[in-house]
Amino acid sequence: MVQAIVNLGEREDRLLTIVKGKFGLKNKSEAVNFVIDQYGDELLEPELRPEYKEELLKIDKGKFKRFNSINDLRKEIENV
């Protein structure tokens, strides 16, 4: 476990107190961890492009694109 001294402004301190109370957390350290867990995924894993989501769904359903050669694949990638 890592310990850190964190300087918070008055507003940030109030927000942590609200998070702590709203979610029934024991202390502000748990509130900080909760906020990091909630928003960390959003920051690290951006939204996928809609076209890419469609391609992933096709792959899941077993619909694949066929290419005659690696050059055809390269052309397809360049067009995306």
Protein backbone atom coordinates (compact mmCIF):
# COMPACT_ATOMS: atom_id res chain seq x y z
CA MET A 1 0.00 0.00 0.00
CA VAL A 2 1.26 3.45 -0.89
CA GLN A 3 0.65 6.38 1.39
CA ALA A 4 0.58 9.97 0.17
CA ILE A 5 0.05 13.38 1.62
CA VAL A 6 -2.46 15.17 -0.59
CA ASN A 7 -3.26 18.86 -0.45
CA LEU A 8 -6.93 19.47 -1.24
CA GLY A 9 -8.74 22.69 -1.72
CA GLU A 10 -11.87 23.45 0.29
CA ARG A 11 -14.17 22.48 -2.59
CA GLU A 12 -12.38 19.19 -3.24
CA ASP A 13 -12.50 18.33 0.45
CA ARG A 14 -16.26 18.95 0.50
CA LEU A 15 -16.74 16.81 -2.58
CA LEU A 16 -14.83 13.93 -1.01
CA THR A 17 -16.95 14.24 2.11
CA ILE A 18 -20.10 14.05 -0.03
CA VAL A 19 -18.80 10.99 -1.93
CA LYS A 20 -17.86 9.37 1.37
CA GLY A 21 -21.35 9.90 2.80
CA LYS A 22 -23.29 9.08 -0.35
CA PHE A 23 -21.61 5.71 -0.89
CA GLY A 24 -21.20 4.79 2.80
CA LEU A 25 -17.40 4.81 2.78
CA LYS A 26 -15.43 4.72 6.03
CA ASN A 27 -12.95 7.50 5.33
CA LYS A 28 -11.72 9.94 2.70
CA SER A 29 -9.02 7.53 1.60
CA GLU A 30 -11.75 5.11 0.50
CA ALA A 31 -13.53 8.02 -1.20
CA VAL A 32 -10.38 8.90 -3.17
CA ASN A 33 -9.95 5.26 -4.23
CA PHE A 34 -13.63 5.10 -5.24
CA VAL A 35 -13.36 8.22 -7.40
CA ILE A 36 -10.18 6.92 -9.03
CA ASP A 37 -11.82 3.55 -9.76
CA GLN A 38 -14.93 5.17 -11.22
CA TYR A 39 -13.20 7.65 -13.50
CA GLY A 40 -9.92 5.87 -14.22
CA ASP A 41 -11.50 3.52 -16.75
CA GLU A 42 -13.10 6.41 -18.61
CA LEU A 43 -9.80 8.22 -18.91
CA LEU A 44 -7.72 5.20 -19.86
CA GLU A 45 -10.18 3.50 -22.21
CA PRO A 46 -11.72 6.05 -24.57
CA GLU A 47 -14.94 5.38 -26.43
CA LEU A 48 -14.57 3.19 -29.50
CA ARG A 49 -15.46 4.62 -32.88
CA PRO A 50 -18.94 3.49 -34.03
CA GLU A 51 -17.48 1.86 -37.18
CA TYR A 52 -15.10 -0.19 -35.09
CA LYS A 53 -17.91 -1.32 -32.80
CA GLU A 54 -19.84 -2.51 -35.85
CA GLU A 55 -16.81 -4.48 -37.06
CA LEU A 56 -16.41 -6.10 -33.64
CA LEU A 57 -20.07 -7.13 -33.64
CA LYS A 58 -19.66 -8.68 -37.09
CA ILE A 59 -16.64 -10.62 -35.86
CA ASP A 60 -18.61 -11.85 -32.86
CA LYS A 61 -21.36 -13.05 -35.20
CA GLY A 62 -18.81 -14.79 -37.40
CA LYS A 63 -19.03 -12.40 -40.36
CA PHE A 64 -15.51 -11.82 -41.61
CA LYS A 65 -14.05 -9.92 -44.51
CA ARG A 66 -12.10 -12.04 -46.98
CA PHE A 67 -8.98 -10.79 -48.72
CA ASN A 68 -7.28 -12.35 -51.72
CA SER A 69 -3.87 -11.07 -50.76
CA ILE A 70 -2.04 -9.14 -48.10
CA ASN A 71 -1.99 -6.16 -50.47
CA ASP A 72 -5.81 -6.10 -50.47
CA LEU A 73 -5.71 -6.05 -46.69
CA ARG A 74 -3.21 -3.17 -46.71
CA LYS A 75 -5.46 -1.18 -49.08
CA GLU A 76 -8.43 -1.75 -46.77
CA ILE A 77 -6.46 -0.58 -43.75
CA GLU A 78 -5.32 2.57 -45.59
CA ASN A 79 -8.95 3.44 -46.44
CA VAL A 80 -10.01 3.31 -42.77
